N, C-alpha and C. Protein backbone atom coordinates (compact mmCIF):
# COMPACT_ATOMS: atom_id res chain seq x y z
N UNK A 1 -9.99 -5.78 -10.48
CA UNK A 1 -8.49 -5.19 -11.18
C UNK A 1 -7.23 -5.83 -9.96
N UNK A 2 -6.55 -6.51 -10.29
CA UNK A 2 -4.98 -6.68 -10.19
C UNK A 2 -4.39 -5.57 -10.43
N UNK A 3 -3.71 -5.10 -9.49
CA UNK A 3 -2.15 -4.05 -9.00
C UNK A 3 -0.89 -4.59 -9.62
N UNK A 4 -0.23 -3.89 -10.93
CA UNK A 4 1.42 -4.42 -10.54
C UNK A 4 2.77 -3.79 -10.23
N UNK A 5 2.65 -5.02 -9.22
CA UNK A 5 3.86 -4.02 -8.38
C UNK A 5 5.41 -4.76 -8.45
N UNK A 6 6.29 -4.60 -8.56
CA UNK A 6 7.91 -4.83 -9.04
C UNK A 6 7.24 -5.75 -7.82
N UNK A 7 8.72 -6.63 -7.60
CA UNK A 7 9.46 -7.58 -6.55
C UNK A 7 9.78 -7.02 -5.06
N UNK A 8 10.43 -5.67 -6.12
CA UNK A 8 11.42 -4.64 -5.34
C UNK A 8 10.96 -4.06 -3.84
N UNK A 9 9.52 -3.68 -4.32
CA UNK A 9 8.97 -2.61 -4.31
C UNK A 9 7.69 -3.65 -3.07
N UNK A 10 7.22 -4.65 -3.44
CA UNK A 10 6.39 -5.38 -2.93
C UNK A 10 7.12 -5.31 -1.47
N UNK A 11 8.15 -5.50 -2.55
CA UNK A 11 9.62 -6.54 -0.78
C UNK A 11 9.29 -4.76 0.18
N UNK A 12 10.02 -4.17 -0.09
CA UNK A 12 10.11 -2.29 0.36
C UNK A 12 8.57 -1.92 1.33
N UNK A 13 7.88 -3.05 0.37
CA UNK A 13 6.07 -2.44 0.76
C UNK A 13 5.38 -3.45 1.19
N UNK A 14 6.53 -4.09 2.01
CA UNK A 14 5.57 -5.10 2.36
C UNK A 14 3.67 -5.60 2.84
N UNK A 15 4.60 -4.52 4.41
CA UNK A 15 3.11 -4.15 5.41
C UNK A 15 2.34 -3.61 4.94
N UNK A 16 2.45 -2.57 3.74
CA UNK A 16 1.77 -1.56 3.31
C UNK A 16 0.46 -1.98 2.06
N UNK A 17 1.27 -3.66 1.29
CA UNK A 17 0.74 -4.46 0.73
C UNK A 17 -0.35 -5.56 1.43
N UNK A 18 0.11 -5.76 2.39
CA UNK A 18 -0.97 -6.48 3.95
C UNK A 18 -1.98 -5.78 3.94
N UNK A 19 -1.99 -4.86 4.63
CA UNK A 19 -2.80 -3.60 4.40
C UNK A 19 -4.22 -3.65 3.54
N UNK A 20 -3.29 -3.70 2.48
CA UNK A 20 -4.01 -3.18 1.20
C UNK A 20 -4.87 -4.80 0.21
N UNK A 21 -4.64 -5.38 0.53
CA UNK A 21 -4.92 -7.08 0.14
C UNK A 21 -5.90 -7.01 1.83
N UNK A 22 -6.22 -6.90 2.69
CA UNK A 22 -6.94 -6.91 3.39
C UNK A 22 -8.08 -5.93 3.24
N UNK A 23 -7.62 -4.88 2.70
CA UNK A 23 -8.78 -4.28 2.20
C UNK A 23 -9.89 -4.69 1.17
N UNK A 24 -9.23 -5.62 0.45
CA UNK A 24 -9.43 -6.40 -0.75
C UNK A 24 -8.84 -6.63 -2.11
N UNK A 25 -7.47 -5.44 -1.99
CA UNK A 25 -7.14 -4.91 -3.32
C UNK A 25 -5.82 -6.54 -3.55
N UNK A 26 -6.38 -6.66 -4.37
CA UNK A 26 -5.33 -7.49 -5.24
C UNK A 26 -3.74 -7.53 -5.95
N UNK A 27 -2.72 -7.90 -5.37
CA UNK A 27 -1.54 -7.48 -6.98
C UNK A 27 -0.79 -8.75 -7.61
N UNK A 28 -0.71 -8.19 -8.42
CA UNK A 28 0.49 -9.29 -9.38
C UNK A 28 1.72 -8.52 -9.77
N UNK A 29 3.11 -9.46 -8.65
CA UNK A 29 4.22 -9.35 -8.65
C UNK A 29 5.05 -9.87 -9.60
N UNK A 30 5.57 -8.04 -9.90
CA UNK A 30 6.09 -9.12 -11.25
C UNK A 30 8.44 -9.03 -10.69
N UNK A 31 8.29 -9.15 -11.78
CA UNK A 31 10.13 -9.99 -11.74
C UNK A 31 10.86 -9.44 -13.02
N UNK A 32 11.53 -9.03 -13.54
CA UNK A 32 11.76 -8.20 -14.97
C UNK A 32 10.72 -8.53 -15.68
N UNK A 33 10.22 -7.82 -15.03
CA UNK A 33 8.58 -7.23 -16.46
C UNK A 33 7.52 -9.14 -16.44
N UNK A 34 8.09 -9.97 -15.69
CA UNK A 34 6.85 -10.78 -16.10
C UNK A 34 6.45 -11.73 -14.22
N UNK A 35 5.26 -11.89 -14.79
CA UNK A 35 4.74 -11.59 -13.38
C UNK A 35 4.71 -13.27 -12.98
N UNK A 36 5.09 -12.86 -12.18
CA UNK A 36 5.45 -14.35 -11.08
C UNK A 36 4.72 -14.82 -10.34
N UNK A 37 3.61 -14.04 -9.24
CA UNK A 37 3.35 -14.14 -8.58
C UNK A 37 2.05 -12.98 -8.14
N UNK A 38 0.58 -13.79 -7.31
CA UNK A 38 -0.47 -12.58 -6.80
C UNK A 38 -0.91 -13.11 -5.41
N UNK A 39 -1.32 -11.63 -5.20
CA UNK A 39 -0.89 -11.43 -3.65
C UNK A 39 -2.09 -11.32 -3.52
N UNK A 40 -3.29 -11.93 -3.12
CA UNK A 40 -5.33 -12.13 -3.23
C UNK A 40 -4.94 -12.54 -1.94
N UNK A 41 -6.20 -11.79 -1.21
CA UNK A 41 -7.36 -11.98 0.35
C UNK A 41 -7.09 -13.43 0.75
N UNK A 42 -6.79 -14.29 1.75
CA UNK A 42 -6.92 -15.48 2.24
C UNK A 42 -8.09 -16.03 1.74
N UNK A 43 -9.50 -15.34 2.80
CA UNK A 43 -10.62 -15.62 2.56
C UNK A 43 -11.83 -15.07 2.23
N UNK A 44 -11.81 -14.31 0.87
CA UNK A 44 -12.17 -13.12 0.16
C UNK A 44 -12.11 -11.94 0.32
N UNK A 45 -12.85 -11.26 0.11
CA UNK A 45 -12.63 -10.06 0.83
C UNK A 45 -13.58 -9.32 2.20
N UNK A 46 -12.14 -8.63 2.95
CA UNK A 46 -12.54 -8.96 4.84
C UNK A 46 -12.76 -7.29 5.15
N UNK A 47 -13.93 -7.70 6.15
CA UNK A 47 -14.74 -6.12 6.83
C UNK A 47 -13.38 -5.70 7.05
N UNK A 48 -13.79 -4.08 6.97
CA UNK A 48 -13.13 -3.28 8.00
C UNK A 48 -13.48 -2.81 9.06
N UNK A 49 -12.78 -3.34 10.32
CA UNK A 49 -13.25 -2.34 11.38
C UNK A 49 -13.48 -0.93 11.47
N UNK A 50 -14.73 -1.25 11.89
CA UNK A 50 -14.59 0.55 12.21
C UNK A 50 -13.37 1.89 11.97
N UNK A 51 -13.25 1.49 13.10
CA UNK A 51 -11.66 2.67 12.78
C UNK A 51 -10.86 2.79 11.58
N UNK A 52 -10.99 1.22 10.79
CA UNK A 52 -10.60 1.37 9.71
C UNK A 52 -10.99 2.31 8.64
N UNK A 53 -12.57 1.82 9.37
CA UNK A 53 -13.57 2.86 8.34
C UNK A 53 -12.98 3.78 8.13
N UNK A 54 -13.41 4.43 9.84
CA UNK A 54 -13.44 5.92 9.44
C UNK A 54 -12.10 5.90 9.05
N UNK A 55 -10.56 5.88 9.73
CA UNK A 55 -9.45 6.31 8.83
C UNK A 55 -9.66 6.57 7.59
N UNK A 56 -10.29 5.85 6.46
CA UNK A 56 -10.32 5.86 5.38
C UNK A 56 -11.46 6.91 5.05
N UNK A 57 -12.19 7.25 5.52
CA UNK A 57 -13.08 7.91 5.54
C UNK A 57 -12.57 9.29 5.73
N UNK A 58 -11.56 9.68 6.69
CA UNK A 58 -11.22 10.37 6.11
C UNK A 58 -9.84 10.97 5.64
N UNK A 59 -9.60 10.22 4.89
CA UNK A 59 -8.83 9.99 3.98
C UNK A 59 -9.58 10.53 2.62
N UNK A 60 -10.50 10.33 2.71
CA UNK A 60 -11.70 10.74 1.29
C UNK A 60 -11.49 9.12 0.78
N UNK A 61 -10.20 8.63 1.10
CA UNK A 61 -10.55 7.07 -0.28
C UNK A 61 -11.58 6.24 0.26
N UNK A 62 -11.84 4.86 -0.27
CA UNK A 62 -12.27 4.01 -0.18
C UNK A 62 -11.62 2.79 -0.35
N UNK A 63 -10.10 3.04 -0.50
CA UNK A 63 -8.98 1.77 -0.05
C UNK A 63 -7.88 2.81 0.50
N UNK A 64 -6.19 1.43 1.11
CA UNK A 64 -5.14 1.75 0.96
C UNK A 64 -4.42 2.02 0.18
N UNK A 65 -3.80 3.40 0.16
CA UNK A 65 -3.05 3.86 -0.85
C UNK A 65 -1.86 3.95 -0.89
N UNK A 66 -0.75 3.07 -1.84
CA UNK A 66 0.47 2.05 -1.59
C UNK A 66 1.40 3.76 -2.15
N UNK A 67 2.41 3.59 -1.83
CA UNK A 67 2.86 4.62 -2.30
C UNK A 67 3.86 4.32 -2.97
N UNK A 68 4.93 3.95 -4.27
CA UNK A 68 5.52 2.90 -4.32
C UNK A 68 6.45 3.92 -5.26
N UNK A 69 6.84 3.52 -5.25
CA UNK A 69 7.94 4.24 -6.47
C UNK A 69 8.76 5.67 -5.99
N UNK A 70 8.78 6.07 -5.07
CA UNK A 70 9.12 7.01 -4.07
C UNK A 70 10.35 6.55 -2.99
N UNK A 71 10.82 5.89 -3.20
CA UNK A 71 12.28 5.46 -2.95
C UNK A 71 13.39 6.64 -2.46
N UNK A 72 12.64 6.72 -2.82
CA UNK A 72 14.56 8.20 -3.36
C UNK A 72 14.57 9.24 -1.37
N UNK A 73 16.02 8.73 -1.24
CA UNK A 73 16.01 9.07 0.52
C UNK A 73 16.18 9.80 1.14
N UNK A 74 16.26 11.11 0.00
CA UNK A 74 16.18 12.20 1.21
C UNK A 74 14.11 12.57 0.68
N UNK A 75 13.91 12.41 -0.10
CA UNK A 75 12.79 12.79 -0.06
C UNK A 75 11.74 12.37 0.23
N UNK A 76 11.50 10.92 0.94
CA UNK A 76 11.34 11.05 2.07
C UNK A 76 11.71 11.16 3.88
N UNK A 77 12.98 11.60 3.24
CA UNK A 77 13.53 12.29 4.91
C UNK A 77 12.89 14.26 4.76
N UNK A 78 12.52 13.96 4.04
CA UNK A 78 12.06 15.42 3.87
C UNK A 78 11.09 15.28 3.65
N UNK A 79 10.29 14.85 3.22
CA UNK A 79 8.61 14.29 3.70
C UNK A 79 8.56 14.48 5.20
N UNK A 80 9.23 13.91 5.96
CA UNK A 80 8.96 13.08 7.23
C UNK A 80 8.57 14.30 7.73
N UNK A 81 10.17 15.19 7.80
CA UNK A 81 10.46 16.62 8.43
C UNK A 81 9.57 17.58 8.29
N UNK A 82 9.07 17.62 7.04
CA UNK A 82 7.85 18.14 6.87
C UNK A 82 6.84 18.22 7.77
N UNK A 83 6.50 16.62 7.73
CA UNK A 83 5.32 16.42 9.04
C UNK A 83 5.27 16.39 9.63
N UNK A 84 6.76 16.45 10.98
CA UNK A 84 6.98 16.96 11.73
C UNK A 84 6.80 18.21 12.01
N UNK A 85 7.16 18.83 11.28
CA UNK A 85 7.13 20.00 11.04
C UNK A 85 6.05 20.85 11.79
N UNK A 86 4.81 19.87 10.73
CA UNK A 86 3.90 20.79 10.16
C UNK A 86 2.71 19.67 11.51
N UNK A 87 3.07 19.23 12.63
CA UNK A 87 2.79 18.81 13.96
C UNK A 87 1.37 17.14 13.58
N UNK A 88 2.26 16.69 12.19
CA UNK A 88 1.23 15.49 11.59
C UNK A 88 2.10 14.23 11.84
């Protein structure tokens, strides 16, 4: 099933969208609530490298997850500061 994403969110998180598409996800990109494009894998589902599989296993998930919708600058900076303080 395709995930819906706004054009703005796709633009701001494009590299993450591409990573998810490489992992087999599909996106429907919308503008003003209307579907305008589909972002799909070019040659079917891509096999992940061993390193990518290990990363997904560590995360406990089967696909990359976008954090779309959290574009509040203060929240993003605070999250980054918290990660740095915790050594992540």
